[in-house]
Amino acid sequence: QVQLVESGGGLVQPGGSLRISCEASGSFFSINVMAWYRQAPGKERELVAQITSGGSATYADSVKGRFTISRDNGKNTVYLQMNSLKPEDTAIYYCKAKILRSSWDNYWGKGTLVTVSS
């Protein structure tokens, strides 16, 4: 079984910073792409950033220059450093990973809430 567990969410003021993490655990052979999605109240889930096992990253236009995705392959962990946060960044942030067990499949975490408010 595979588990993705996010951590690090919380309340932060506009202009502030926050780093969230997601660790994959369980029985598997390899992790390919790891990604962060977010879902704000009343909105659809959207891709925020993703990173390959080789470290190549892509970002949504709304977070470019403010957010940085990184990963530690030895710890099966992906991070999202969020700077210059805005109220519109408020959402539940979900981790997704493409993981190899008997086949390649996508797994999701349960999410961590990030609230940007004064």
Protein backbone atom coordinates (compact mmCIF):
# COMPACT_ATOMS: atom_id res chain seq x y z
CA GLN A 1 0.00 0.00 0.00
CA VAL A 2 1.10 3.56 -0.69
CA GLN A 3 0.42 6.64 1.41
CA LEU A 4 1.06 10.29 0.63
CA VAL A 5 0.96 12.54 3.67
CA GLU A 6 1.07 16.33 3.40
CA SER A 7 2.18 18.60 6.21
CA GLY A 8 3.05 22.22 6.91
CA GLY A 9 -0.18 24.00 6.08
CA GLY A 10 -1.56 26.77 8.23
CA LEU A 11 -2.51 30.42 8.51
CA VAL A 12 -0.16 33.04 7.08
CA GLN A 13 -0.50 36.76 6.44
CA PRO A 14 -0.49 38.21 2.94
CA GLY A 15 3.07 38.64 1.74
CA GLY A 16 4.27 35.86 4.01
CA SER A 17 5.90 32.52 3.29
CA LEU A 18 5.12 28.89 4.00
CA ARG A 19 6.68 25.56 3.07
CA ILE A 20 4.55 22.46 2.73
CA SER A 21 5.81 18.91 2.40
CA CYS A 22 4.52 15.58 1.16
CA GLU A 23 6.12 12.25 1.96
CA ALA A 24 5.37 9.01 0.15
CA SER A 25 5.58 5.82 2.15
CA GLY A 26 4.76 2.16 1.69
CA SER A 27 5.85 -0.55 -0.70
CA PHE A 28 6.84 0.61 -4.18
CA PHE A 29 9.76 0.55 -6.62
CA SER A 30 10.02 4.09 -7.90
CA ILE A 31 8.43 7.54 -8.05
CA ASN A 32 8.21 9.45 -11.30
CA VAL A 33 6.51 12.84 -11.37
CA MET A 34 5.47 14.49 -8.10
CA ALA A 35 3.05 17.39 -8.16
CA TRP A 36 1.11 19.88 -6.08
CA TYR A 37 -2.50 20.72 -6.85
CA ARG A 38 -4.84 23.06 -5.01
CA GLN A 39 -8.56 23.49 -4.68
CA ALA A 40 -10.11 26.69 -3.42
CA PRO A 41 -13.69 26.82 -2.11
CA GLY A 42 -16.15 26.64 -4.99
CA LYS A 43 -13.43 26.07 -7.57
CA GLU A 44 -12.03 23.11 -9.44
CA ARG A 45 -8.76 21.48 -8.46
CA GLU A 46 -5.85 22.97 -10.41
CA LEU A 47 -2.24 22.05 -11.00
CA VAL A 48 0.16 24.34 -9.14
CA ALA A 49 3.55 22.79 -9.90
CA GLN A 50 5.14 19.49 -10.81
CA ILE A 51 8.66 18.07 -10.82
CA THR A 52 10.20 15.05 -12.50
CA SER A 53 12.52 12.59 -10.82
CA GLY A 54 15.37 14.39 -12.57
CA GLY A 55 14.38 17.73 -11.08
CA SER A 56 12.71 19.43 -14.04
CA ALA A 57 9.92 21.67 -12.75
CA THR A 58 6.93 23.44 -14.28
CA TYR A 59 4.55 25.94 -12.72
CA ALA A 60 1.12 27.43 -13.19
CA ASP A 61 1.33 31.02 -14.43
CA SER A 62 -0.39 32.25 -11.26
CA VAL A 63 2.50 31.09 -9.03
CA LYS A 64 5.55 31.55 -11.26
CA GLY A 65 8.25 33.53 -9.51
CA ARG A 66 6.60 33.06 -6.11
CA PHE A 67 6.49 29.28 -5.55
CA THR A 68 9.31 26.75 -5.82
CA ILE A 69 8.84 23.00 -6.00
CA SER A 70 11.66 20.67 -5.00
CA ARG A 71 12.09 17.04 -4.01
CA ASP A 72 14.37 14.78 -2.01
CA ASN A 73 14.40 11.44 -3.79
CA GLY A 74 16.15 9.75 -0.88
CA LYS A 75 13.31 10.75 1.41
CA ASN A 76 10.51 10.25 -1.16
CA THR A 77 9.42 13.78 -0.32
CA VAL A 78 8.30 16.75 -2.37
CA TYR A 79 8.22 20.32 -1.07
CA LEU A 80 6.48 23.51 -2.09
CA GLN A 81 8.07 26.75 -0.92
CA MET A 82 5.47 29.50 -1.19
CA ASN A 83 6.58 33.13 -0.97
CA SER A 84 4.73 36.43 -1.40
CA LEU A 85 1.49 34.67 -0.59
CA LYS A 86 -1.80 36.26 -1.60
CA PRO A 87 -5.33 35.72 -0.28
CA GLU A 88 -6.18 34.01 -3.57
CA ASP A 89 -3.62 31.31 -2.74
CA THR A 90 -5.95 30.11 0.01
CA ALA A 91 -6.86 26.51 -0.76
CA ILE A 92 -6.42 22.91 0.21
CA TYR A 93 -3.13 21.79 -1.30
CA TYR A 94 -2.92 18.18 -2.49
CA CYS A 95 0.12 16.12 -3.36
CA LYS A 96 0.06 13.69 -6.27
CA ALA A 97 2.73 11.19 -7.24
CA LYS A 98 3.13 8.73 -10.10
CA ILE A 99 4.39 5.58 -8.42
CA LEU A 100 5.54 2.20 -9.68
CA ARG A 101 4.26 -0.88 -7.94
CA SER A 102 2.98 -3.61 -10.26
CA SER A 103 2.26 -0.76 -12.69
CA TRP A 104 2.57 3.02 -12.82
CA ASP A 105 -0.36 4.65 -11.04
CA ASN A 106 -1.21 8.06 -9.61
CA TYR A 107 -1.68 8.42 -5.87
CA TRP A 108 -3.10 11.37 -3.96
CA GLY A 109 -2.66 12.71 -0.46
CA LYS A 110 -5.56 13.95 1.65
CA GLY A 111 -4.49 17.58 1.50
CA THR A 112 -3.28 20.33 3.77
CA LEU A 113 -5.09 23.65 4.23
CA VAL A 114 -3.28 26.89 3.50
CA THR A 115 -5.07 30.07 4.53
CA VAL A 116 -3.70 33.48 3.57
CA SER A 117 -5.42 36.18 5.59
CA SER A 118 -4.70 39.15 7.79
